[in-house]
């Protein structure tokens, strides 16, 4: 959103209020290691081998792409995706 920051500052000056902006989908990413109680360490290691070490780095990919990049089975990848999606649906 170009100029959005300027408009927010201007609105704040005109109203005398400090304006906080919350953008949907801007929640923080979570390291894959944080899920060690739900995801086996060997599975986390397989993701890390191909550079997927955060929840969002995995969720941004299609399941088929993840299966091709890793040596993990469809069922394992599906379970990991379910766990990671649940983290961001709260």
C-alpha atoms as a PDB file:
ATOM      1  CA  UNK A   1       0.000   0.000   0.000  1.00  0.00           C
ATOM      2  CA  UNK A   2       1.985   2.959  -1.280  1.00  0.00           C
ATOM      3  CA  UNK A   3       1.723   6.092   0.795  1.00  0.00           C
ATOM      4  CA  UNK A   4      -0.136   4.235   3.539  1.00  0.00           C
ATOM      5  CA  UNK A   5       2.451   5.102   6.157  1.00  0.00           C
ATOM      6  CA  UNK A   6       2.282   8.779   5.236  1.00  0.00           C
ATOM      7  CA  UNK A   7      -1.525   8.808   5.416  1.00  0.00           C
ATOM      8  CA  UNK A   8      -1.477   7.164   8.827  1.00  0.00           C
ATOM      9  CA  UNK A   9       1.019   9.706  10.165  1.00  0.00           C
ATOM     10  CA  UNK A  10      -1.051  12.563   8.741  1.00  0.00           C
ATOM     11  CA  UNK A  11      -4.261  11.176  10.251  1.00  0.00           C
ATOM     12  CA  UNK A  12      -2.468  10.891  13.593  1.00  0.00           C
ATOM     13  CA  UNK A  13      -1.364  14.531  13.440  1.00  0.00           C
ATOM     14  CA  UNK A  14      -4.829  15.750  12.462  1.00  0.00           C
ATOM     15  CA  UNK A  15      -6.638  13.822  15.174  1.00  0.00           C
ATOM     16  CA  UNK A  16      -3.997  14.030  17.883  1.00  0.00           C
ATOM     17  CA  UNK A  17      -4.222  10.259  18.358  1.00  0.00           C
ATOM     18  CA  UNK A  18      -1.511   7.670  17.898  1.00  0.00           C
ATOM     19  CA  UNK A  19      -2.775   5.231  15.289  1.00  0.00           C
ATOM     20  CA  UNK A  20      -1.716   1.584  15.319  1.00  0.00           C
ATOM     21  CA  UNK A  21      -2.098  -0.408  12.124  1.00  0.00           C
ATOM     22  CA  UNK A  22      -2.674  -4.137  12.173  1.00  0.00           C
ATOM     23  CA  UNK A  23      -2.339  -5.961   8.886  1.00  0.00           C
ATOM     24  CA  UNK A  24      -4.021  -9.314   8.532  1.00  0.00           C
ATOM     25  CA  UNK A  25      -1.632 -12.140   7.772  1.00  0.00           C
ATOM     26  CA  UNK A  26       1.310 -10.361   9.351  1.00  0.00           C
ATOM     27  CA  UNK A  27       1.669 -12.802  12.219  1.00  0.00           C
ATOM     28  CA  UNK A  28       5.176 -13.876  12.989  1.00  0.00           C
ATOM     29  CA  UNK A  29       6.784 -16.971  11.575  1.00  0.00           C
ATOM     30  CA  UNK A  30       7.664 -19.864  13.867  1.00  0.00           C
ATOM     31  CA  UNK A  31      10.862 -21.910  13.771  1.00  0.00           C
ATOM     32  CA  UNK A  32      10.175 -25.541  12.887  1.00  0.00           C
ATOM     33  CA  UNK A  33      12.141 -26.616  15.975  1.00  0.00           C
ATOM     34  CA  UNK A  34       9.348 -25.100  18.110  1.00  0.00           C
ATOM     35  CA  UNK A  35       7.137 -28.019  17.022  1.00  0.00           C
ATOM     36  CA  UNK A  36       9.499 -30.715  18.353  1.00  0.00           C
ATOM     37  CA  UNK A  37       6.821 -31.939  20.772  1.00  0.00           C
ATOM     38  CA  UNK A  38       4.446 -32.641  17.863  1.00  0.00           C
ATOM     39  CA  UNK A  39       6.812 -33.434  14.954  1.00  0.00           C
ATOM     40  CA  UNK A  40       9.558 -36.073  15.188  1.00  0.00           C
ATOM     41  CA  UNK A  41      13.076 -34.651  15.111  1.00  0.00           C
ATOM     42  CA  UNK A  42      14.052 -36.759  12.079  1.00  0.00           C
ATOM     43  CA  UNK A  43      11.155 -35.206  10.137  1.00  0.00           C
ATOM     44  CA  UNK A  44      12.253 -31.699  11.150  1.00  0.00           C
ATOM     45  CA  UNK A  45      15.784 -32.610  10.025  1.00  0.00           C
ATOM     46  CA  UNK A  46      14.486 -33.672   6.598  1.00  0.00           C
ATOM     47  CA  UNK A  47      12.836 -30.280   6.139  1.00  0.00           C
ATOM     48  CA  UNK A  48      15.956 -28.445   7.304  1.00  0.00           C
ATOM     49  CA  UNK A  49      18.126 -30.369   4.798  1.00  0.00           C
ATOM     50  CA  UNK A  50      16.258 -28.642   1.972  1.00  0.00           C
ATOM     51  CA  UNK A  51      16.176 -25.204   3.607  1.00  0.00           C
ATOM     52  CA  UNK A  52      12.691 -25.376   5.094  1.00  0.00           C
ATOM     53  CA  UNK A  53      13.239 -24.397   8.708  1.00  0.00           C
ATOM     54  CA  UNK A  54      10.183 -22.273   9.530  1.00  0.00           C
ATOM     55  CA  UNK A  55       6.459 -22.958   9.495  1.00  0.00           C
ATOM     56  CA  UNK A  56       5.739 -20.388   6.796  1.00  0.00           C
ATOM     57  CA  UNK A  57       8.531 -21.625   4.527  1.00  0.00           C
ATOM     58  CA  UNK A  58       6.685 -24.945   4.448  1.00  0.00           C
ATOM     59  CA  UNK A  59       3.136 -23.565   4.300  1.00  0.00           C
ATOM     60  CA  UNK A  60       4.029 -21.425   1.263  1.00  0.00           C
ATOM     61  CA  UNK A  61       4.653 -24.574  -0.798  1.00  0.00           C
ATOM     62  CA  UNK A  62       2.248 -27.064  -2.329  1.00  0.00           C
ATOM     63  CA  UNK A  63       2.266 -30.496  -0.698  1.00  0.00           C
ATOM     64  CA  UNK A  64       3.467 -32.102  -3.919  1.00  0.00           C
ATOM     65  CA  UNK A  65       6.467 -29.740  -4.057  1.00  0.00           C
ATOM     66  CA  UNK A  66       7.407 -30.589  -0.482  1.00  0.00           C
ATOM     67  CA  UNK A  67       7.248 -34.318  -1.240  1.00  0.00           C
ATOM     68  CA  UNK A  68       9.505 -33.843  -4.283  1.00  0.00           C
ATOM     69  CA  UNK A  69      12.043 -31.771  -2.328  1.00  0.00           C
ATOM     70  CA  UNK A  70      12.210 -34.058   0.702  1.00  0.00           C
ATOM     71  CA  UNK A  71      12.385 -37.816   1.207  1.00  0.00           C
ATOM     72  CA  UNK A  72       9.163 -37.717   3.205  1.00  0.00           C
ATOM     73  CA  UNK A  73       5.997 -39.668   2.441  1.00  0.00           C
ATOM     74  CA  UNK A  74       2.683 -38.044   1.557  1.00  0.00           C
ATOM     75  CA  UNK A  75       1.114 -39.037   4.886  1.00  0.00           C
ATOM     76  CA  UNK A  76       4.003 -37.508   6.880  1.00  0.00           C
ATOM     77  CA  UNK A  77       3.887 -34.248   4.932  1.00  0.00           C
ATOM     78  CA  UNK A  78       0.095 -34.065   5.336  1.00  0.00           C
ATOM     79  CA  UNK A  79       0.416 -34.454   9.104  1.00  0.00           C
ATOM     80  CA  UNK A  80       3.100 -31.749   9.323  1.00  0.00           C
ATOM     81  CA  UNK A  81       0.960 -29.373   7.242  1.00  0.00           C
ATOM     82  CA  UNK A  82      -2.020 -30.038   9.522  1.00  0.00           C
ATOM     83  CA  UNK A  83       0.048 -29.223  12.632  1.00  0.00           C
ATOM     84  CA  UNK A  84       1.533 -26.061  11.120  1.00  0.00           C
ATOM     85  CA  UNK A  85      -1.792 -24.758   9.772  1.00  0.00           C
ATOM     86  CA  UNK A  86      -3.376 -25.227  13.202  1.00  0.00           C
ATOM     87  CA  UNK A  87      -0.720 -22.901  14.668  1.00  0.00           C
ATOM     88  CA  UNK A  88      -1.787 -20.005  12.440  1.00  0.00           C
ATOM     89  CA  UNK A  89      -5.565 -20.531  12.621  1.00  0.00           C
ATOM     90  CA  UNK A  90      -5.839 -19.386  16.241  1.00  0.00           C
END
